[in-house]
Structures are given as C-alpha cells and as structure tokens.
Amino acid sequence: MGVAIWRAWRTGPAARPLVAGYFGQLVFNALWSVLFFGLKQPAWALVDIVGLLGLLGWMQIGLWRTDRLAGILWLPYVLWVGFATVLNATIVRLN
C-alpha cells in the first residue's frame, strides 16, 4: 500500500486526491476494527467497510491511470477488503 501511494505521489500534484484518499482509507480501516472487534457492532462495521471498499475502488482506478505498477500493487488490498466485506455481511445476516 505504501509503495503504491508513493509511486503515485511521485507523479506530481495531480496525485494529491489519491494521497488524501490513502489517508482517508487508513481512517476507515482503523474505524472498522474498532466497530467490529472493539464495540462488537458488525452492522455498523459493515457500513464502514462498504464505504472503505468504495474508496478503495476509486483509488484503484486512479492508481491504475497514474502508475500501472501502483495499480497492480494496490489490487491485493482491494481484493482482501472485498473478501472481508463478504465475511462481515455474512456475519450480519446470520445474526
């Protein structure tokens, strides 16, 4: 994740929204852990992770357009959060 955003950041001022998105996704990611594990609120965690996944998808497109290698490096994170979203939704549905 860090290398991907660094590669985008090197491309210049046009990558500023991606850098801001990077820090935004860190907040979403940390908040998910607090909601899911700390507060034991999987429904609210699902709301958070869906927002996170949307932000990551937007960043995936931007990183791919800015620097192909950055886009490739970002993809496993997007896939992992997609998988975690399915798990979170399943837990909400079963409870």
C-alpha atoms as a PDB file:
ATOM      1  CA  MET A   1       0.000   0.000   0.000  1.00  0.00           C
ATOM      2  CA  GLY A   2       2.749   2.410   0.957  1.00  0.00           C
ATOM      3  CA  VAL A   3       4.805   1.761  -2.161  1.00  0.00           C
ATOM      4  CA  ALA A   4       1.737   2.136  -4.373  1.00  0.00           C
ATOM      5  CA  ILE A   5       0.820   5.543  -2.969  1.00  0.00           C
ATOM      6  CA  TRP A   6       4.455   6.633  -3.014  1.00  0.00           C
ATOM      7  CA  ARG A   7       4.681   5.799  -6.711  1.00  0.00           C
ATOM      8  CA  ALA A   8       1.545   7.835  -7.381  1.00  0.00           C
ATOM      9  CA  TRP A   9       2.760  10.727  -5.204  1.00  0.00           C
ATOM     10  CA  ARG A  10       5.957  10.957  -7.276  1.00  0.00           C
ATOM     11  CA  THR A  11       3.933  11.708 -10.402  1.00  0.00           C
ATOM     12  CA  GLY A  12       3.112  15.224  -9.197  1.00  0.00           C
ATOM     13  CA  PRO A  13       0.274  17.432  -7.943  1.00  0.00           C
ATOM     14  CA  ALA A  14      -2.393  15.568  -9.920  1.00  0.00           C
ATOM     15  CA  ALA A  15      -1.982  12.670  -7.466  1.00  0.00           C
ATOM     16  CA  ARG A  16      -2.935  14.765  -4.408  1.00  0.00           C
ATOM     17  CA  PRO A  17      -6.512  13.390  -4.291  1.00  0.00           C
ATOM     18  CA  LEU A  18      -5.077   9.858  -4.259  1.00  0.00           C
ATOM     19  CA  VAL A  19      -2.733  10.728  -1.394  1.00  0.00           C
ATOM     20  CA  ALA A  20      -5.667  12.228   0.533  1.00  0.00           C
ATOM     21  CA  GLY A  21      -7.673   9.074  -0.257  1.00  0.00           C
ATOM     22  CA  TYR A  22      -4.838   6.977   1.116  1.00  0.00           C
ATOM     23  CA  PHE A  23      -5.044   8.686   4.496  1.00  0.00           C
ATOM     24  CA  GLY A  24      -8.829   8.540   4.383  1.00  0.00           C
ATOM     25  CA  GLN A  25      -8.797   4.802   3.848  1.00  0.00           C
ATOM     26  CA  LEU A  26      -6.496   4.404   6.848  1.00  0.00           C
ATOM     27  CA  VAL A  27      -9.175   6.081   8.978  1.00  0.00           C
ATOM     28  CA  PHE A  28     -11.928   3.845   7.539  1.00  0.00           C
ATOM     29  CA  ASN A  29      -9.730   0.798   8.122  1.00  0.00           C
ATOM     30  CA  ALA A  30      -8.974   1.680  11.753  1.00  0.00           C
ATOM     31  CA  LEU A  31     -12.610   2.547  12.429  1.00  0.00           C
ATOM     32  CA  TRP A  32     -13.727  -0.839  11.093  1.00  0.00           C
ATOM     33  CA  SER A  33     -11.563  -2.646  13.658  1.00  0.00           C
ATOM     34  CA  VAL A  34     -12.975  -0.535  16.480  1.00  0.00           C
ATOM     35  CA  LEU A  35     -16.568  -1.088  15.353  1.00  0.00           C
ATOM     36  CA  PHE A  36     -16.274  -4.799  14.625  1.00  0.00           C
ATOM     37  CA  PHE A  37     -13.935  -6.028  17.351  1.00  0.00           C
ATOM     38  CA  GLY A  38     -13.985  -3.300  19.990  1.00  0.00           C
ATOM     39  CA  LEU A  39     -17.646  -2.306  20.072  1.00  0.00           C
ATOM     40  CA  LYS A  40     -18.981  -5.604  18.685  1.00  0.00           C
ATOM     41  CA  GLN A  41     -21.197  -3.764  16.196  1.00  0.00           C
ATOM     42  CA  PRO A  42     -20.908  -5.780  12.956  1.00  0.00           C
ATOM     43  CA  ALA A  43     -23.772  -3.885  11.276  1.00  0.00           C
ATOM     44  CA  TRP A  44     -22.047  -0.537  11.742  1.00  0.00           C
ATOM     45  CA  ALA A  45     -18.754  -2.140  10.740  1.00  0.00           C
ATOM     46  CA  LEU A  46     -20.457  -3.267   7.529  1.00  0.00           C
ATOM     47  CA  VAL A  47     -21.493   0.309   6.763  1.00  0.00           C
ATOM     48  CA  ASP A  48     -17.892   1.382   7.326  1.00  0.00           C
ATOM     49  CA  ILE A  49     -16.340  -1.368   5.212  1.00  0.00           C
ATOM     50  CA  VAL A  50     -18.702  -0.727   2.297  1.00  0.00           C
ATOM     51  CA  GLY A  51     -17.540   2.908   2.358  1.00  0.00           C
ATOM     52  CA  LEU A  52     -13.940   1.725   2.575  1.00  0.00           C
ATOM     53  CA  LEU A  53     -14.431  -0.596  -0.387  1.00  0.00           C
ATOM     54  CA  GLY A  54     -15.900   2.242  -2.447  1.00  0.00           C
ATOM     55  CA  LEU A  55     -12.948   4.477  -1.620  1.00  0.00           C
ATOM     56  CA  LEU A  56     -10.510   1.682  -2.465  1.00  0.00           C
ATOM     57  CA  GLY A  57     -12.229   1.085  -5.793  1.00  0.00           C
ATOM     58  CA  TRP A  58     -11.962   4.774  -6.653  1.00  0.00           C
ATOM     59  CA  MET A  59      -8.283   4.706  -5.656  1.00  0.00           C
ATOM     60  CA  GLN A  60      -7.697   1.542  -7.691  1.00  0.00           C
ATOM     61  CA  ILE A  61      -8.896   3.310 -10.826  1.00  0.00           C
ATOM     62  CA  GLY A  62      -6.853   6.421 -10.041  1.00  0.00           C
ATOM     63  CA  LEU A  63      -3.698   4.486  -9.235  1.00  0.00           C
ATOM     64  CA  TRP A  64      -4.043   2.379 -12.371  1.00  0.00           C
ATOM     65  CA  ARG A  65      -4.359   5.522 -14.500  1.00  0.00           C
ATOM     66  CA  THR A  66      -1.486   7.273 -12.709  1.00  0.00           C
ATOM     67  CA  ASP A  67       1.012   4.426 -12.499  1.00  0.00           C
ATOM     68  CA  ARG A  68       0.275   0.876 -13.665  1.00  0.00           C
ATOM     69  CA  LEU A  69       2.614  -0.732 -11.153  1.00  0.00           C
ATOM     70  CA  ALA A  70       0.948   1.223  -8.330  1.00  0.00           C
ATOM     71  CA  GLY A  71      -2.411  -0.093  -9.527  1.00  0.00           C
ATOM     72  CA  ILE A  72      -1.105  -3.647  -9.552  1.00  0.00           C
ATOM     73  CA  LEU A  73       0.365  -3.244  -6.059  1.00  0.00           C
ATOM     74  CA  TRP A  74      -2.955  -1.851  -4.742  1.00  0.00           C
ATOM     75  CA  LEU A  75      -5.101  -4.662  -6.157  1.00  0.00           C
ATOM     76  CA  PRO A  76      -4.459  -7.320  -3.442  1.00  0.00           C
ATOM     77  CA  TYR A  77      -5.660  -4.864  -0.785  1.00  0.00           C
ATOM     78  CA  VAL A  78      -8.875  -4.189  -2.702  1.00  0.00           C
ATOM     79  CA  LEU A  79      -9.472  -7.921  -3.119  1.00  0.00           C
ATOM     80  CA  TRP A  80      -8.795  -8.589   0.570  1.00  0.00           C
ATOM     81  CA  VAL A  81     -11.220  -5.879   1.696  1.00  0.00           C
ATOM     82  CA  GLY A  82     -13.788  -7.262  -0.752  1.00  0.00           C
ATOM     83  CA  PHE A  83     -13.437 -10.664   0.894  1.00  0.00           C
ATOM     84  CA  ALA A  84     -13.666  -9.108   4.367  1.00  0.00           C
ATOM     85  CA  THR A  85     -16.823  -7.277   3.255  1.00  0.00           C
ATOM     86  CA  VAL A  86     -18.443 -10.567   2.280  1.00  0.00           C
ATOM     87  CA  LEU A  87     -17.476 -12.087   5.634  1.00  0.00           C
ATOM     88  CA  ASN A  88     -18.797  -9.069   7.537  1.00  0.00           C
ATOM     89  CA  ALA A  89     -22.083  -9.133   5.595  1.00  0.00           C
ATOM     90  CA  THR A  90     -22.457 -12.846   6.274  1.00  0.00           C
ATOM     91  CA  ILE A  91     -21.974 -12.310   9.998  1.00  0.00           C
ATOM     92  CA  VAL A  92     -24.612  -9.557   9.979  1.00  0.00           C
ATOM     93  CA  ARG A  93     -27.013 -11.764   8.035  1.00  0.00           C
ATOM     94  CA  LEU A  94     -26.536 -14.759  10.333  1.00  0.00           C
ATOM     95  CA  ASN A  95     -27.007 -12.720  13.495  1.00  0.00           C
END
